[in-house]
Amino acid sequence: MNEAELKQHLEAAEKSPKQIAAAVSGLPDKTLRYKPAPDKWCILEVLGHLADIEVVYAYRIRQMLADKKPVIAPMDGDDWARNLGYTETPPAELVALYGLNTWHRSSPANRTAEKRIGGKIIHYVCSTVMRS
C-alpha cells in the first residue's frame, strides 16, 4: 500500500462513525435485532463489533511499534458478539463507542505511528511472517 492509498483508507475510517450513526439513527428495535440467518449478526452485534475492533486495532498498532517480534493473537468475533453484551447495549452507546475508539485509533499521533510500522509481524493463527 502506498502513502496515497493509506491516506484514503484513514480518511474513510474517520468518516465511518458519522455515516454509521446516520444509518442506524431512529431504526426500530425490531430492525436493530433482526438476524438474516441464525449464524449472522444483527445490527447491534455489528455496531458492537465495530466499537471493539477499533480497540483491537489500536492495541495491534502499538504491538507492532513497541515489540521486537509482535505476535498478533486471533480473536473470535462471534464469541465477542455472544459474550460481551452487544445486544444489551443501547445503539447510541455502541455508535458513540465506535466513534470514540475510531478517533483514538486514528488520532494524529497514531496516524504518524501507522506510517512508521515496519519489520516482521507474526500472525498467531498461521505463524506467517508478514512484512508491513
N, C-alpha and C. Protein backbone atom coordinates (compact mmCIF):
# COMPACT_ATOMS: atom_id res chain seq x y z
N MET A 1 0.85 -1.17 0.00
CA MET A 1 0.00 0.00 0.00
C MET A 1 0.90 1.23 0.00
N ASN A 2 0.61 2.15 -0.91
CA ASN A 2 1.41 3.37 -0.94
C ASN A 2 0.79 4.42 -0.01
N GLU A 3 1.47 5.54 0.14
CA GLU A 3 1.03 6.57 1.08
C GLU A 3 -0.33 7.17 0.70
N ALA A 4 -0.59 7.34 -0.58
CA ALA A 4 -1.88 7.89 -1.02
C ALA A 4 -3.03 6.94 -0.67
N GLU A 5 -2.80 5.65 -0.87
CA GLU A 5 -3.83 4.66 -0.52
C GLU A 5 -4.05 4.63 0.99
N LEU A 6 -2.98 4.71 1.77
CA LEU A 6 -3.10 4.74 3.23
C LEU A 6 -3.92 5.96 3.66
N LYS A 7 -3.62 7.11 3.09
CA LYS A 7 -4.35 8.33 3.42
C LYS A 7 -5.83 8.18 3.10
N GLN A 8 -6.14 7.59 1.96
CA GLN A 8 -7.53 7.39 1.55
C GLN A 8 -8.26 6.48 2.56
N HIS A 9 -7.61 5.40 2.97
CA HIS A 9 -8.22 4.49 3.94
C HIS A 9 -8.43 5.16 5.29
N LEU A 10 -7.46 5.94 5.73
CA LEU A 10 -7.58 6.62 7.02
C LEU A 10 -8.69 7.66 7.00
N GLU A 11 -8.82 8.39 5.90
CA GLU A 11 -9.89 9.38 5.78
C GLU A 11 -11.26 8.72 5.77
N ALA A 12 -11.39 7.59 5.09
CA ALA A 12 -12.66 6.85 5.08
C ALA A 12 -13.00 6.35 6.47
N ALA A 13 -12.00 5.87 7.19
CA ALA A 13 -12.23 5.37 8.55
C ALA A 13 -12.70 6.49 9.48
N GLU A 14 -12.17 7.68 9.30
CA GLU A 14 -12.59 8.81 10.13
C GLU A 14 -14.04 9.20 9.87
N LYS A 15 -14.52 9.06 8.66
CA LYS A 15 -15.90 9.41 8.30
C LYS A 15 -16.90 8.34 8.70
N SER A 16 -16.43 7.11 8.82
CA SER A 16 -17.32 5.97 9.02
C SER A 16 -18.24 6.10 10.23
N PRO A 17 -17.78 6.52 11.42
CA PRO A 17 -18.71 6.61 12.55
C PRO A 17 -19.91 7.52 12.30
N LYS A 18 -19.68 8.64 11.63
CA LYS A 18 -20.79 9.56 11.32
C LYS A 18 -21.76 8.90 10.34
N GLN A 19 -21.23 8.19 9.36
CA GLN A 19 -22.09 7.51 8.39
C GLN A 19 -22.89 6.39 9.05
N ILE A 20 -22.26 5.65 9.94
CA ILE A 20 -22.95 4.58 10.67
C ILE A 20 -24.03 5.18 11.55
N ALA A 21 -23.71 6.25 12.26
CA ALA A 21 -24.70 6.90 13.14
C ALA A 21 -25.92 7.33 12.34
N ALA A 22 -25.70 7.93 11.19
CA ALA A 22 -26.82 8.37 10.35
C ALA A 22 -27.64 7.18 9.86
N ALA A 23 -26.97 6.08 9.55
CA ALA A 23 -27.67 4.91 9.00
C ALA A 23 -28.56 4.22 10.03
N VAL A 24 -28.15 4.23 11.29
CA VAL A 24 -28.93 3.48 12.30
C VAL A 24 -29.82 4.37 13.16
N SER A 25 -29.64 5.66 13.06
CA SER A 25 -30.44 6.59 13.87
C SER A 25 -31.93 6.41 13.60
N GLY A 26 -32.68 6.19 14.65
CA GLY A 26 -34.13 6.08 14.52
C GLY A 26 -34.65 4.72 14.09
N LEU A 27 -33.78 3.76 13.87
CA LEU A 27 -34.26 2.42 13.48
C LEU A 27 -35.00 1.78 14.65
N PRO A 28 -36.10 1.10 14.38
CA PRO A 28 -36.84 0.44 15.45
C PRO A 28 -36.04 -0.74 16.02
N ASP A 29 -36.32 -1.06 17.28
CA ASP A 29 -35.62 -2.14 17.97
C ASP A 29 -35.70 -3.45 17.20
N LYS A 30 -36.85 -3.73 16.61
CA LYS A 30 -37.02 -4.97 15.85
C LYS A 30 -36.02 -5.05 14.69
N THR A 31 -35.79 -3.92 14.04
CA THR A 31 -34.83 -3.87 12.93
C THR A 31 -33.40 -4.04 13.44
N LEU A 32 -33.07 -3.40 14.57
CA LEU A 32 -31.73 -3.48 15.14
C LEU A 32 -31.37 -4.91 15.56
N ARG A 33 -32.39 -5.71 15.91
CA ARG A 33 -32.17 -7.06 16.40
C ARG A 33 -32.40 -8.15 15.34
N TYR A 34 -32.83 -7.76 14.17
CA TYR A 34 -33.12 -8.72 13.10
C TYR A 34 -31.85 -9.41 12.63
N LYS A 35 -31.89 -10.75 12.54
CA LYS A 35 -30.78 -11.55 12.02
C LYS A 35 -31.25 -12.19 10.72
N PRO A 36 -30.54 -11.98 9.63
CA PRO A 36 -30.94 -12.58 8.35
C PRO A 36 -30.81 -14.11 8.34
N ALA A 37 -30.03 -14.64 9.27
CA ALA A 37 -29.86 -16.10 9.43
C ALA A 37 -29.37 -16.32 10.86
N PRO A 38 -29.58 -17.51 11.41
CA PRO A 38 -29.16 -17.77 12.80
C PRO A 38 -27.67 -17.53 13.05
N ASP A 39 -26.84 -17.77 12.04
CA ASP A 39 -25.40 -17.60 12.23
C ASP A 39 -24.89 -16.24 11.74
N LYS A 40 -25.80 -15.31 11.47
CA LYS A 40 -25.42 -13.96 11.04
C LYS A 40 -25.72 -12.97 12.16
N TRP A 41 -25.00 -11.86 12.15
CA TRP A 41 -25.16 -10.85 13.19
C TRP A 41 -26.32 -9.90 12.87
N CYS A 42 -26.92 -9.41 13.94
CA CYS A 42 -27.90 -8.32 13.82
C CYS A 42 -27.13 -7.00 13.82
N ILE A 43 -27.83 -5.91 13.58
CA ILE A 43 -27.18 -4.59 13.52
C ILE A 43 -26.49 -4.26 14.84
N LEU A 44 -27.12 -4.58 15.98
CA LEU A 44 -26.49 -4.30 17.27
C LEU A 44 -25.15 -5.02 17.42
N GLU A 45 -25.10 -6.25 16.95
CA GLU A 45 -23.84 -7.01 17.03
C GLU A 45 -22.77 -6.42 16.12
N VAL A 46 -23.19 -5.94 14.96
CA VAL A 46 -22.25 -5.29 14.05
C VAL A 46 -21.71 -4.01 14.70
N LEU A 47 -22.59 -3.23 15.33
CA LEU A 47 -22.16 -2.00 15.99
C LEU A 47 -21.17 -2.29 17.12
N GLY A 48 -21.46 -3.31 17.92
CA GLY A 48 -20.56 -3.69 19.00
C GLY A 48 -19.21 -4.14 18.46
N HIS A 49 -19.26 -4.91 17.38
CA HIS A 49 -18.01 -5.37 16.75
C HIS A 49 -17.19 -4.18 16.25
N LEU A 50 -17.84 -3.22 15.60
CA LEU A 50 -17.12 -2.05 15.11
C LEU A 50 -16.43 -1.30 16.24
N ALA A 51 -17.14 -1.13 17.37
CA ALA A 51 -16.55 -0.44 18.52
C ALA A 51 -15.36 -1.21 19.07
N ASP A 52 -15.51 -2.51 19.24
CA ASP A 52 -14.44 -3.32 19.83
C ASP A 52 -13.25 -3.52 18.90
N ILE A 53 -13.50 -3.65 17.61
CA ILE A 53 -12.39 -3.92 16.70
C ILE A 53 -11.45 -2.72 16.63
N GLU A 54 -11.96 -1.53 16.87
CA GLU A 54 -11.09 -0.35 16.90
C GLU A 54 -10.12 -0.44 18.07
N VAL A 55 -10.58 -0.97 19.21
CA VAL A 55 -9.69 -1.17 20.36
C VAL A 55 -8.62 -2.20 20.00
N VAL A 56 -9.04 -3.29 19.35
CA VAL A 56 -8.11 -4.33 18.93
C VAL A 56 -7.07 -3.75 17.97
N TYR A 57 -7.53 -2.97 16.98
CA TYR A 57 -6.59 -2.38 16.02
C TYR A 57 -5.59 -1.45 16.72
N ALA A 58 -6.08 -0.63 17.65
CA ALA A 58 -5.19 0.28 18.36
C ALA A 58 -4.13 -0.49 19.13
N TYR A 59 -4.54 -1.58 19.77
CA TYR A 59 -3.58 -2.42 20.50
C TYR A 59 -2.56 -3.04 19.55
N ARG A 60 -3.05 -3.57 18.44
CA ARG A 60 -2.14 -4.22 17.49
C ARG A 60 -1.14 -3.23 16.90
N ILE A 61 -1.56 -2.01 16.65
CA ILE A 61 -0.64 -0.99 16.15
C ILE A 61 0.45 -0.74 17.17
N ARG A 62 0.06 -0.64 18.44
CA ARG A 62 1.05 -0.42 19.49
C ARG A 62 2.01 -1.61 19.60
N GLN A 63 1.47 -2.82 19.45
CA GLN A 63 2.32 -4.01 19.45
C GLN A 63 3.38 -3.92 18.36
N MET A 64 2.93 -3.56 17.17
CA MET A 64 3.85 -3.51 16.03
C MET A 64 4.91 -2.44 16.21
N LEU A 65 4.57 -1.38 16.91
CA LEU A 65 5.53 -0.31 17.14
C LEU A 65 6.50 -0.62 18.27
N ALA A 66 6.02 -1.31 19.31
CA ALA A 66 6.80 -1.47 20.52
C ALA A 66 7.53 -2.80 20.64
N ASP A 67 6.94 -3.88 20.18
CA ASP A 67 7.52 -5.21 20.37
C ASP A 67 8.54 -5.53 19.29
N LYS A 68 9.59 -6.24 19.69
CA LYS A 68 10.61 -6.63 18.72
C LYS A 68 10.07 -7.62 17.71
N LYS A 69 9.28 -8.58 18.18
CA LYS A 69 8.67 -9.58 17.31
C LYS A 69 7.19 -9.70 17.68
N PRO A 70 6.38 -8.75 17.22
CA PRO A 70 4.97 -8.78 17.63
C PRO A 70 4.23 -10.02 17.15
N VAL A 71 3.45 -10.58 18.04
CA VAL A 71 2.62 -11.74 17.71
C VAL A 71 1.17 -11.26 17.78
N ILE A 72 0.50 -11.34 16.65
CA ILE A 72 -0.89 -10.87 16.56
C ILE A 72 -1.80 -12.04 16.93
N ALA A 73 -2.39 -11.98 18.11
CA ALA A 73 -3.28 -13.04 18.57
C ALA A 73 -4.62 -12.95 17.85
N PRO A 74 -5.23 -14.09 17.60
CA PRO A 74 -6.54 -14.08 16.94
C PRO A 74 -7.64 -13.65 17.89
N MET A 75 -8.74 -13.28 17.34
CA MET A 75 -9.94 -13.02 18.13
C MET A 75 -11.11 -13.68 17.42
N ASP A 76 -12.05 -14.17 18.18
CA ASP A 76 -13.24 -14.79 17.61
C ASP A 76 -14.39 -13.79 17.73
N GLY A 77 -14.68 -13.13 16.63
CA GLY A 77 -15.74 -12.11 16.63
C GLY A 77 -17.08 -12.66 17.07
N ASP A 78 -17.38 -13.89 16.72
CA ASP A 78 -18.66 -14.48 17.15
C ASP A 78 -18.71 -14.64 18.66
N ASP A 79 -17.60 -15.07 19.27
CA ASP A 79 -17.55 -15.18 20.73
C ASP A 79 -17.71 -13.81 21.38
N TRP A 80 -17.05 -12.82 20.82
CA TRP A 80 -17.17 -11.48 21.37
C TRP A 80 -18.62 -11.00 21.27
N ALA A 81 -19.25 -11.22 20.13
CA ALA A 81 -20.65 -10.80 19.94
C ALA A 81 -21.58 -11.52 20.93
N ARG A 82 -21.33 -12.79 21.15
CA ARG A 82 -22.16 -13.58 22.07
C ARG A 82 -21.96 -13.19 23.53
N ASN A 83 -20.72 -12.89 23.91
CA ASN A 83 -20.38 -12.80 25.32
C ASN A 83 -20.13 -11.39 25.87
N LEU A 84 -20.14 -10.39 25.04
CA LEU A 84 -19.83 -9.05 25.52
C LEU A 84 -21.03 -8.10 25.57
N GLY A 85 -22.23 -8.64 25.49
CA GLY A 85 -23.43 -7.84 25.72
C GLY A 85 -23.78 -6.84 24.64
N TYR A 86 -23.39 -7.11 23.41
CA TYR A 86 -23.72 -6.18 22.33
C TYR A 86 -25.23 -5.93 22.22
N THR A 87 -26.02 -6.98 22.35
CA THR A 87 -27.47 -6.81 22.16
C THR A 87 -28.15 -6.19 23.38
N GLU A 88 -27.43 -6.06 24.49
CA GLU A 88 -27.99 -5.41 25.67
C GLU A 88 -27.57 -3.94 25.77
N THR A 89 -26.72 -3.51 24.88
CA THR A 89 -26.20 -2.14 24.92
C THR A 89 -27.01 -1.27 23.97
N PRO A 90 -27.44 -0.09 24.43
CA PRO A 90 -28.20 0.80 23.55
C PRO A 90 -27.41 1.16 22.29
N PRO A 91 -28.08 1.22 21.14
CA PRO A 91 -27.37 1.51 19.90
C PRO A 91 -26.61 2.83 19.94
N ALA A 92 -27.18 3.85 20.58
CA ALA A 92 -26.48 5.14 20.65
C ALA A 92 -25.15 5.00 21.39
N GLU A 93 -25.10 4.16 22.41
CA GLU A 93 -23.86 3.94 23.15
C GLU A 93 -22.83 3.21 22.28
N LEU A 94 -23.29 2.20 21.53
CA LEU A 94 -22.39 1.46 20.64
C LEU A 94 -21.81 2.38 19.57
N VAL A 95 -22.65 3.22 19.00
CA VAL A 95 -22.19 4.16 17.96
C VAL A 95 -21.20 5.16 18.57
N ALA A 96 -21.51 5.65 19.78
CA ALA A 96 -20.60 6.60 20.44
C ALA A 96 -19.25 5.95 20.73
N LEU A 97 -19.27 4.71 21.20
CA LEU A 97 -18.02 3.99 21.46
C LEU A 97 -17.22 3.79 20.17
N TYR A 98 -17.92 3.44 19.10
CA TYR A 98 -17.25 3.27 17.81
C TYR A 98 -16.57 4.57 17.40
N GLY A 99 -17.30 5.68 17.50
CA GLY A 99 -16.73 6.97 17.13
C GLY A 99 -15.53 7.34 17.99
N LEU A 100 -15.65 7.16 19.30
CA LEU A 100 -14.56 7.49 20.21
C LEU A 100 -13.34 6.60 19.96
N ASN A 101 -13.58 5.31 19.81
CA ASN A 101 -12.47 4.38 19.59
C ASN A 101 -11.80 4.62 18.24
N THR A 102 -12.58 4.97 17.23
CA THR A 102 -12.02 5.28 15.91
C THR A 102 -11.18 6.55 16.00
N TRP A 103 -11.71 7.55 16.69
CA TRP A 103 -10.98 8.80 16.84
C TRP A 103 -9.65 8.54 17.54
N HIS A 104 -9.67 7.76 18.62
CA HIS A 104 -8.45 7.48 19.36
C HIS A 104 -7.44 6.72 18.49
N ARG A 105 -7.91 5.71 17.79
CA ARG A 105 -7.01 4.92 16.95
C ARG A 105 -6.45 5.74 15.80
N SER A 106 -7.22 6.67 15.27
CA SER A 106 -6.76 7.43 14.11
C SER A 106 -6.33 8.85 14.46
N SER A 107 -6.04 9.09 15.75
CA SER A 107 -5.57 10.42 16.15
C SER A 107 -4.25 10.72 15.44
N PRO A 108 -3.88 12.00 15.35
CA PRO A 108 -2.66 12.34 14.62
C PRO A 108 -1.42 11.56 15.07
N ALA A 109 -1.24 11.36 16.37
CA ALA A 109 -0.07 10.62 16.85
C ALA A 109 -0.09 9.19 16.35
N ASN A 110 -1.26 8.54 16.40
CA ASN A 110 -1.36 7.17 15.93
C ASN A 110 -1.24 7.09 14.41
N ARG A 111 -1.75 8.09 13.71
CA ARG A 111 -1.64 8.10 12.25
C ARG A 111 -0.17 8.15 11.84
N THR A 112 0.61 8.97 12.53
CA THR A 112 2.04 9.03 12.26
C THR A 112 2.68 7.68 12.55
N ALA A 113 2.26 7.06 13.65
CA ALA A 113 2.81 5.76 14.01
C ALA A 113 2.47 4.70 12.96
N GLU A 114 1.26 4.73 12.44
CA GLU A 114 0.85 3.75 11.44
C GLU A 114 1.76 3.82 10.21
N LYS A 115 2.20 5.00 9.86
CA LYS A 115 3.07 5.16 8.69
C LYS A 115 4.47 4.59 8.97
N ARG A 116 4.88 4.56 10.26
CA ARG A 116 6.22 4.12 10.60
C ARG A 116 6.34 2.62 10.83
N ILE A 117 5.22 1.91 10.87
CA ILE A 117 5.27 0.48 11.17
C ILE A 117 6.08 -0.24 10.10
N GLY A 118 6.98 -1.05 10.55
CA GLY A 118 7.80 -1.83 9.63
C GLY A 118 8.34 -3.05 10.34
N GLY A 119 9.01 -3.91 9.61
CA GLY A 119 9.60 -5.09 10.22
C GLY A 119 8.69 -6.29 10.15
N LYS A 120 9.00 -7.26 11.00
CA LYS A 120 8.28 -8.53 10.97
C LYS A 120 7.13 -8.54 11.97
N ILE A 121 6.03 -9.13 11.55
CA ILE A 121 4.87 -9.33 12.40
C ILE A 121 4.50 -10.80 12.26
N ILE A 122 4.32 -11.48 13.38
CA ILE A 122 3.96 -12.90 13.33
C ILE A 122 2.48 -13.03 13.65
N HIS A 123 1.73 -13.57 12.71
CA HIS A 123 0.30 -13.78 12.92
C HIS A 123 0.10 -15.11 13.63
N TYR A 124 -0.53 -15.07 14.79
CA TYR A 124 -0.65 -16.23 15.67
C TYR A 124 -1.33 -17.43 15.00
N VAL A 125 -2.38 -17.18 14.25
CA VAL A 125 -3.16 -18.29 13.69
C VAL A 125 -2.35 -19.12 12.72
N CYS A 126 -1.63 -18.49 11.83
CA CYS A 126 -0.93 -19.25 10.79
C CYS A 126 0.58 -19.17 10.93
N SER A 127 1.07 -18.49 11.96
CA SER A 127 2.53 -18.33 12.19
C SER A 127 3.23 -17.78 10.96
N THR A 128 2.50 -17.02 10.17
CA THR A 128 3.06 -16.42 8.97
C THR A 128 3.81 -15.15 9.34
N VAL A 129 4.97 -14.97 8.79
CA VAL A 129 5.70 -13.72 8.97
C VAL A 129 5.25 -12.76 7.89
N MET A 130 4.73 -11.62 8.32
CA MET A 130 4.24 -10.61 7.37
C MET A 130 5.15 -9.39 7.46
N ARG A 131 5.36 -8.76 6.37
CA ARG A 131 6.11 -7.51 6.36
C ARG A 131 5.14 -6.40 6.04
N SER A 132 5.21 -5.37 6.87
CA SER A 132 4.31 -4.24 6.63
C SER A 132 5.04 -3.17 5.88
